[in-house]
């Protein structure tokens, strides 16, 4: 299952740790505060536990949003985004 990780974190050190965790799990950074990647349910749960352990402040927020391949294939990208970056990571589903 594809998962979107979208976050709003106030402290640089905590934000850096979240970025590191996302990269450790093989997620692909699509914007400064957004990653996407293919995770099994177990790995998604493990990542959520690790992110919770980072001592987020009350004002911080992390979304982990599952997305099936069919839903992702129906996406809209508005604005300037190099979709070739997604193709290189096999996130463009043709069919």
C-alpha atoms as a PDB file:
ATOM      1  CA  UNK A   1       0.000   0.000   0.000  1.00  0.00           C
ATOM      2  CA  UNK A   2       1.236   3.501  -0.759  1.00  0.00           C
ATOM      3  CA  UNK A   3       1.446   5.807   2.240  1.00  0.00           C
ATOM      4  CA  UNK A   4       1.647   9.582   2.249  1.00  0.00           C
ATOM      5  CA  UNK A   5       3.527  11.091   5.194  1.00  0.00           C
ATOM      6  CA  UNK A   6       2.741  14.776   5.597  1.00  0.00           C
ATOM      7  CA  UNK A   7       3.965  16.745   8.589  1.00  0.00           C
ATOM      8  CA  UNK A   8       4.052  20.152  10.236  1.00  0.00           C
ATOM      9  CA  UNK A   9       6.816  20.128  12.845  1.00  0.00           C
ATOM     10  CA  UNK A  10       7.987  23.236  14.689  1.00  0.00           C
ATOM     11  CA  UNK A  11      11.519  22.253  15.767  1.00  0.00           C
ATOM     12  CA  UNK A  12      14.321  21.645  13.271  1.00  0.00           C
ATOM     13  CA  UNK A  13      15.840  18.762  15.251  1.00  0.00           C
ATOM     14  CA  UNK A  14      12.541  16.875  15.459  1.00  0.00           C
ATOM     15  CA  UNK A  15      11.826  17.586  11.798  1.00  0.00           C
ATOM     16  CA  UNK A  16      15.257  16.216  10.855  1.00  0.00           C
ATOM     17  CA  UNK A  17      14.553  13.031  12.808  1.00  0.00           C
ATOM     18  CA  UNK A  18      11.232  12.563  10.998  1.00  0.00           C
ATOM     19  CA  UNK A  19      12.944  13.074   7.642  1.00  0.00           C
ATOM     20  CA  UNK A  20      15.562  10.495   8.619  1.00  0.00           C
ATOM     21  CA  UNK A  21      12.925   7.950   9.665  1.00  0.00           C
ATOM     22  CA  UNK A  22      11.039   8.408   6.384  1.00  0.00           C
ATOM     23  CA  UNK A  23      14.236   7.896   4.409  1.00  0.00           C
ATOM     24  CA  UNK A  24      15.147   4.856   6.549  1.00  0.00           C
ATOM     25  CA  UNK A  25      11.841   3.294   5.497  1.00  0.00           C
ATOM     26  CA  UNK A  26      12.584   3.952   1.838  1.00  0.00           C
ATOM     27  CA  UNK A  27      10.041   6.728   1.412  1.00  0.00           C
ATOM     28  CA  UNK A  28      10.460   9.242  -1.395  1.00  0.00           C
ATOM     29  CA  UNK A  29      10.442  12.956  -0.608  1.00  0.00           C
ATOM     30  CA  UNK A  30       8.043  14.778  -2.923  1.00  0.00           C
ATOM     31  CA  UNK A  31       8.014  18.140  -1.127  1.00  0.00           C
ATOM     32  CA  UNK A  32       9.690  19.674   1.915  1.00  0.00           C
ATOM     33  CA  UNK A  33       7.064  18.288   4.306  1.00  0.00           C
ATOM     34  CA  UNK A  34       5.763  15.313   2.344  1.00  0.00           C
ATOM     35  CA  UNK A  35       6.952  11.795   1.567  1.00  0.00           C
ATOM     36  CA  UNK A  36       5.344   8.886  -0.257  1.00  0.00           C
ATOM     37  CA  UNK A  37       6.256   5.231  -0.373  1.00  0.00           C
ATOM     38  CA  UNK A  38       5.168   1.631  -0.478  1.00  0.00           C
ATOM     39  CA  UNK A  39       4.884   0.076   2.993  1.00  0.00           C
ATOM     40  CA  UNK A  40       3.365  -3.123   4.279  1.00  0.00           C
ATOM     41  CA  UNK A  41       0.847  -2.694   7.077  1.00  0.00           C
ATOM     42  CA  UNK A  42       3.425  -3.944   9.603  1.00  0.00           C
ATOM     43  CA  UNK A  43       6.089  -1.502   8.408  1.00  0.00           C
ATOM     44  CA  UNK A  44       3.556   1.360   8.421  1.00  0.00           C
ATOM     45  CA  UNK A  45       2.638   0.525  12.021  1.00  0.00           C
ATOM     46  CA  UNK A  46       6.324   0.303  12.972  1.00  0.00           C
ATOM     47  CA  UNK A  47       6.998   3.690  11.380  1.00  0.00           C
ATOM     48  CA  UNK A  48       4.033   5.246  13.204  1.00  0.00           C
ATOM     49  CA  UNK A  49       5.388   3.932  16.524  1.00  0.00           C
ATOM     50  CA  UNK A  50       8.839   5.349  15.769  1.00  0.00           C
ATOM     51  CA  UNK A  51       7.394   8.723  14.774  1.00  0.00           C
ATOM     52  CA  UNK A  52       5.304   8.854  17.976  1.00  0.00           C
ATOM     53  CA  UNK A  53       8.457   8.284  20.018  1.00  0.00           C
ATOM     54  CA  UNK A  54      10.081  11.476  18.729  1.00  0.00           C
ATOM     55  CA  UNK A  55       8.528  13.660  21.437  1.00  0.00           C
ATOM     56  CA  UNK A  56       6.356  15.773  19.203  1.00  0.00           C
ATOM     57  CA  UNK A  57       5.160  19.063  20.648  1.00  0.00           C
ATOM     58  CA  UNK A  58       1.458  19.640  21.182  1.00  0.00           C
ATOM     59  CA  UNK A  59       1.373  21.914  18.113  1.00  0.00           C
ATOM     60  CA  UNK A  60       3.093  19.347  15.832  1.00  0.00           C
ATOM     61  CA  UNK A  61       1.228  17.039  13.479  1.00  0.00           C
ATOM     62  CA  UNK A  62       2.096  14.039  11.304  1.00  0.00           C
ATOM     63  CA  UNK A  63      -0.378  12.470   8.881  1.00  0.00           C
ATOM     64  CA  UNK A  64       0.127   8.912   7.605  1.00  0.00           C
ATOM     65  CA  UNK A  65      -2.423   8.476   4.832  1.00  0.00           C
ATOM     66  CA  UNK A  66      -2.844   5.161   2.993  1.00  0.00           C
ATOM     67  CA  UNK A  67      -3.574   5.288  -0.721  1.00  0.00           C
ATOM     68  CA  UNK A  68      -4.414   2.343  -2.963  1.00  0.00           C
ATOM     69  CA  UNK A  69      -2.804   2.173  -6.412  1.00  0.00           C
ATOM     70  CA  UNK A  70      -6.115   2.982  -8.099  1.00  0.00           C
ATOM     71  CA  UNK A  71      -6.557   6.120  -5.974  1.00  0.00           C
ATOM     72  CA  UNK A  72      -3.000   7.226  -6.642  1.00  0.00           C
ATOM     73  CA  UNK A  73      -3.511   6.695 -10.364  1.00  0.00           C
ATOM     74  CA  UNK A  74      -6.397   9.199 -10.180  1.00  0.00           C
ATOM     75  CA  UNK A  75      -4.213  11.911  -8.656  1.00  0.00           C
ATOM     76  CA  UNK A  76      -4.103  15.501  -9.825  1.00  0.00           C
ATOM     77  CA  UNK A  77      -0.878  17.479  -9.712  1.00  0.00           C
ATOM     78  CA  UNK A  78      -1.521  21.195  -9.903  1.00  0.00           C
ATOM     79  CA  UNK A  79       1.435  23.424 -10.502  1.00  0.00           C
ATOM     80  CA  UNK A  80       5.041  22.732 -11.359  1.00  0.00           C
ATOM     81  CA  UNK A  81       6.200  19.256 -10.397  1.00  0.00           C
ATOM     82  CA  UNK A  82       8.689  17.088 -12.256  1.00  0.00           C
ATOM     83  CA  UNK A  83       6.674  13.890 -12.619  1.00  0.00           C
ATOM     84  CA  UNK A  84       9.797  12.160 -13.966  1.00  0.00           C
ATOM     85  CA  UNK A  85      10.953  11.990 -10.337  1.00  0.00           C
ATOM     86  CA  UNK A  86       7.940   9.812  -9.567  1.00  0.00           C
ATOM     87  CA  UNK A  87       8.502   7.646 -12.631  1.00  0.00           C
ATOM     88  CA  UNK A  88      12.062   6.946 -11.497  1.00  0.00           C
ATOM     89  CA  UNK A  89      10.648   5.540  -8.232  1.00  0.00           C
ATOM     90  CA  UNK A  90       7.887   3.561 -10.021  1.00  0.00           C
ATOM     91  CA  UNK A  91       5.116   5.740  -8.561  1.00  0.00           C
ATOM     92  CA  UNK A  92       3.488   6.334 -11.913  1.00  0.00           C
ATOM     93  CA  UNK A  93       0.962   3.604 -12.476  1.00  0.00           C
ATOM     94  CA  UNK A  94       0.029   3.109 -16.098  1.00  0.00           C
ATOM     95  CA  UNK A  95      -3.043   1.169 -16.996  1.00  0.00           C
END
